[in-house]
Amino acid sequence: MPTPLFVNDVLRVTIACRMATHAQNGLNVLRYKVTAAGGMNLEAVPLAMYNRVVTQYAAWLPSVAQFAGVSITREASATRPAAGPFYQVFLQGGLAGSGVLPLQASGIIRFTSPGDDQVDPIIKAAKGRAFIPFPAVSSYLDTGATLGTLGLSRLEAIRAVLGPTLVLTGGVNLQLVLRRTKTNPSPAPPTFLGYTSVTALTSMRAVATQRRRGDFGRINAAFGGIL
């Protein structure tokens, strides 16, 4: 039975890239609040999101990597249970040349939200970043240890399709949000404080590292049965 979308639903969107030669998945986990449902069902959102971002991710990835797909889960609320995940999994090969940086390298897209200028740690926890996996050598500027002009333009294209507001084919409008929590003294778990809207995204020239995605240590979890 189809799962209807409602305004104010929060969708957990996982965008997957895959480095098959090292059995590694690079996952971007983002959250979006539904601001207009457009009559779409939740099951239709993964394909619409896939079509929105696949071209930009493929242009960023080297040929030894693949864009692997999109997963959508509705997070539980007081009025509706969690639903999903629903997947759209097609393997699209990277188009940015054969060279790849060390596997732990990532591009960075920074999220800005109201309260980013505050000093309260509870508010500062609303800051966020997306680490875009497996940048190609052709995106990198050796002399500056940063993204070159071509690499920054590729990252900018990804930034533009991630938000902060999206209109998906089919009529769903989405607002990128960050999940806010308050840290409590151990062993108490964090307190959930709700969601705050992202007002802007910024592509960074610096390149980040995520050690767990390298060719050592724990292998990242499978996505949609792909590893």
Protein backbone atom coordinates (compact mmCIF):
# COMPACT_ATOMS: atom_id res chain seq x y z
CA MET A 1 0.00 0.00 0.00
CA PRO A 2 1.47 3.43 -0.93
CA THR A 3 2.88 5.57 1.88
CA PRO A 4 1.56 9.14 1.59
CA LEU A 5 3.72 12.16 2.35
CA PHE A 6 2.53 14.96 4.61
CA VAL A 7 3.72 18.50 5.19
CA ASN A 8 6.28 18.60 8.07
CA ASP A 9 7.37 14.99 7.54
CA VAL A 10 11.16 14.72 7.97
CA LEU A 11 12.90 12.50 5.43
CA ARG A 12 16.28 10.91 6.08
CA VAL A 13 18.01 10.90 2.70
CA THR A 14 21.10 8.72 2.20
CA ILE A 15 23.11 9.30 -0.98
CA ALA A 16 25.60 6.52 -1.71
CA CYS A 17 28.85 6.37 -3.65
CA ARG A 18 30.85 3.16 -4.03
CA MET A 19 34.50 2.29 -4.57
CA ALA A 20 34.14 -1.30 -5.70
CA THR A 21 37.87 -2.06 -5.82
CA HIS A 22 38.13 -1.47 -2.07
CA ALA A 23 34.59 -2.50 -1.01
CA GLN A 24 34.00 0.97 0.40
CA ASN A 25 30.79 3.03 0.49
CA GLY A 26 30.79 6.79 1.02
CA LEU A 27 27.39 7.85 2.38
CA ASN A 28 25.95 11.37 2.66
CA VAL A 29 23.11 11.38 5.19
CA LEU A 30 20.89 14.46 4.94
CA ARG A 31 17.52 15.40 6.40
CA TYR A 32 14.77 17.31 4.62
CA LYS A 33 11.44 18.59 5.92
CA VAL A 34 8.50 18.32 3.54
CA THR A 35 7.03 21.79 2.91
CA ALA A 36 4.67 20.72 0.11
CA ALA A 37 3.71 17.10 -0.54
CA GLY A 38 2.45 17.54 -4.10
CA GLY A 39 0.45 14.33 -3.97
CA MET A 40 3.57 12.12 -4.17
CA ASN A 41 3.99 8.96 -2.17
CA LEU A 42 7.17 8.26 -0.22
CA GLU A 43 8.05 5.36 -2.51
CA ALA A 44 8.40 7.77 -5.46
CA VAL A 45 10.87 10.12 -3.74
CA PRO A 46 14.08 8.01 -4.12
CA LEU A 47 13.89 8.03 -7.93
CA ALA A 48 13.11 11.76 -8.01
CA MET A 49 16.05 12.48 -5.71
CA TYR A 50 18.32 10.15 -7.68
CA ASN A 51 17.51 11.96 -10.91
CA ARG A 52 18.21 15.30 -9.24
CA VAL A 53 21.75 14.49 -8.05
CA VAL A 54 23.17 11.68 -10.21
CA THR A 55 24.69 13.89 -12.93
CA GLN A 56 26.51 16.11 -10.44
CA TYR A 57 27.88 13.23 -8.36
CA ALA A 58 29.02 11.33 -11.46
CA ALA A 59 30.93 14.41 -12.65
CA TRP A 60 32.75 14.54 -9.28
CA LEU A 61 33.67 10.84 -9.06
CA PRO A 62 36.64 9.19 -10.81
CA SER A 63 36.02 6.31 -13.18
CA VAL A 64 37.01 3.73 -10.55
CA ALA A 65 34.08 4.85 -8.37
CA GLN A 66 30.32 4.69 -8.89
CA PHE A 67 27.29 6.66 -7.83
CA ALA A 68 25.22 3.91 -6.19
CA GLY A 69 21.81 5.40 -5.45
CA VAL A 70 19.49 7.03 -2.94
CA SER A 71 17.62 5.75 0.11
CA ILE A 72 14.68 7.56 1.72
CA THR A 73 13.29 6.91 5.22
CA ARG A 74 10.58 8.90 6.97
CA GLU A 75 11.64 9.56 10.55
CA ALA A 76 9.08 8.82 13.24
CA SER A 77 6.96 11.68 14.58
CA ALA A 78 4.29 12.03 17.25
CA THR A 79 1.57 11.46 14.64
CA ARG A 80 3.17 9.10 12.10
CA PRO A 81 5.47 6.09 12.40
CA ALA A 82 8.76 5.67 10.61
CA ALA A 83 8.46 4.33 7.07
CA GLY A 84 11.06 2.98 4.67
CA PRO A 85 13.80 2.75 3.72
CA PHE A 86 12.91 2.86 0.05
CA TYR A 87 15.78 2.62 -2.44
CA GLN A 88 16.61 3.70 -5.94
CA VAL A 89 19.80 1.84 -6.81
CA PHE A 90 21.43 2.27 -10.22
CA LEU A 91 25.21 2.17 -10.65
CA GLN A 92 26.46 5.22 -12.54
CA GLY A 93 30.21 5.26 -13.18
CA GLY A 94 32.28 8.32 -12.37
CA LEU A 95 33.27 10.65 -15.20
CA ALA A 96 36.13 12.68 -13.68
CA GLY A 97 39.09 10.66 -15.00
CA SER A 98 40.95 7.60 -13.77
CA GLY A 99 42.97 9.09 -10.91
CA VAL A 100 41.61 9.04 -7.37
CA LEU A 101 42.89 10.68 -4.20
CA PRO A 102 43.53 8.55 -1.09
CA LEU A 103 40.22 6.91 -0.22
CA GLN A 104 39.72 8.83 3.02
CA ALA A 105 39.71 12.18 1.18
CA SER A 106 36.44 14.11 0.79
CA GLY A 107 35.17 17.40 -0.47
CA ILE A 108 33.37 19.58 2.09
CA ILE A 109 30.03 21.39 1.86
CA ARG A 110 29.23 23.47 4.93
CA PHE A 111 25.68 24.09 6.14
CA THR A 112 24.68 27.39 7.75
CA SER A 113 21.64 27.55 10.02
CA PRO A 114 20.10 30.21 12.29
CA GLY A 115 22.18 30.28 15.45
CA ASP A 116 25.51 29.61 13.75
CA ASP A 117 26.63 32.97 15.14
CA GLN A 118 25.72 31.99 18.73
CA VAL A 119 28.17 30.80 21.38
CA ASP A 120 25.81 28.42 23.16
CA PRO A 121 27.08 24.86 22.47
CA ILE A 122 23.49 23.66 22.14
CA ILE A 123 22.96 26.02 19.21
CA LYS A 124 26.41 25.43 17.72
CA ALA A 125 25.54 21.73 17.53
CA ALA A 126 23.17 22.71 14.72
CA LYS A 127 26.11 23.31 12.39
CA GLY A 128 26.69 20.67 9.80
CA ARG A 129 28.84 19.50 6.93
CA ALA A 130 28.50 17.03 4.10
CA PHE A 131 31.66 15.14 3.17
CA ILE A 132 31.47 14.31 -0.54
CA PRO A 133 33.42 11.07 -1.07
CA PHE A 134 36.08 9.90 -3.52
CA PRO A 135 37.26 13.12 -5.21
CA ALA A 136 39.18 12.63 -8.43
CA VAL A 137 42.81 13.66 -8.83
CA SER A 138 41.68 16.04 -11.57
CA SER A 139 39.75 18.00 -8.92
CA TYR A 140 42.81 18.54 -6.73
CA LEU A 141 45.43 21.29 -6.80
CA ASP A 142 48.74 19.83 -5.62
CA THR A 143 50.46 23.18 -5.13
CA GLY A 144 47.76 24.43 -2.79
CA ALA A 145 46.62 21.14 -1.24
CA THR A 146 43.06 22.23 -2.04
CA LEU A 147 40.48 21.77 -4.75
CA GLY A 148 41.41 23.44 -8.01
CA THR A 149 39.03 25.52 -10.10
CA LEU A 150 37.64 22.43 -11.85
CA GLY A 151 37.21 20.54 -8.59
CA LEU A 152 35.47 23.48 -6.92
CA SER A 153 33.08 23.83 -9.86
CA ARG A 154 32.21 20.13 -9.57
CA LEU A 155 31.57 20.50 -5.84
CA GLU A 156 29.53 23.65 -6.45
CA ALA A 157 27.28 21.66 -8.78
CA ILE A 158 26.61 19.14 -6.00
CA ARG A 159 25.99 21.94 -3.51
CA ALA A 160 23.39 23.48 -5.80
CA VAL A 161 21.31 20.29 -6.04
CA LEU A 162 21.40 19.53 -2.30
CA GLY A 163 19.61 22.63 -1.10
CA PRO A 164 18.77 24.45 1.00
CA THR A 165 15.37 24.14 -0.73
CA LEU A 166 14.43 21.56 -3.37
CA VAL A 167 11.52 21.03 -5.72
CA LEU A 168 11.45 17.41 -6.89
CA THR A 169 9.82 16.26 -10.08
CA GLY A 170 6.34 15.25 -8.97
CA GLY A 171 5.70 18.31 -6.84
CA VAL A 172 7.38 17.61 -3.49
CA ASN A 173 9.06 20.67 -1.92
CA LEU A 174 11.82 20.00 0.62
CA GLN A 175 13.74 22.14 3.11
CA LEU A 176 17.17 20.92 4.24
CA VAL A 177 17.28 20.72 8.05
CA LEU A 178 19.72 19.75 10.78
CA ARG A 179 18.82 17.52 13.70
CA ARG A 180 19.65 19.32 16.95
CA THR A 181 20.59 17.61 20.20
CA LYS A 182 21.78 18.63 23.65
CA THR A 183 24.71 16.73 25.13
CA ASN A 184 24.05 15.37 28.61
CA PRO A 185 26.49 14.08 31.24
CA SER A 186 27.43 10.44 30.65
CA PRO A 187 25.81 7.92 30.59
CA ALA A 188 22.63 9.82 29.70
CA PRO A 189 21.91 9.94 25.94
CA PRO A 190 21.62 13.29 24.13
CA THR A 191 18.31 15.12 24.32
CA PHE A 192 16.56 15.66 20.99
CA LEU A 193 15.80 19.37 20.50
CA GLY A 194 14.10 19.30 17.11
CA TYR A 195 15.15 20.42 13.66
CA THR A 196 16.52 23.72 12.43
CA SER A 197 16.37 24.88 8.81
CA VAL A 198 19.57 25.25 6.79
CA THR A 199 19.70 28.71 5.25
CA ALA A 200 22.79 28.35 3.03
CA LEU A 201 25.35 25.84 1.79
CA THR A 202 28.98 26.71 1.04
CA SER A 203 31.49 24.69 -0.97
CA MET A 204 34.93 24.62 0.65
CA ARG A 205 38.27 24.47 -1.15
CA ALA A 206 39.82 22.44 1.67
CA VAL A 207 39.77 18.65 1.47
CA ALA A 208 38.72 16.67 4.53
CA THR A 209 39.73 13.16 5.61
CA GLN A 210 37.48 10.40 6.98
CA ARG A 211 39.73 7.61 8.14
CA ARG A 212 37.10 4.88 8.38
CA ARG A 213 36.54 5.01 4.64
CA GLY A 214 40.17 4.31 3.82
CA ASP A 215 41.65 0.99 2.77
CA PHE A 216 42.22 0.13 6.41
CA GLY A 217 39.99 -0.26 9.46
CA ARG A 218 36.28 -1.00 9.50
CA ILE A 219 34.49 -1.23 6.15
CA ASN A 220 31.50 1.09 5.83
CA ALA A 221 28.07 -0.47 5.97
CA ALA A 222 26.41 -1.78 2.83
CA PHE A 223 23.83 0.36 1.05
CA GLY A 224 20.80 -1.29 -0.49
CA GLY A 225 22.56 -4.64 -0.57
CA ILE A 226 25.55 -3.20 -2.45
CA LEU A 227 29.08 -3.65 -1.12
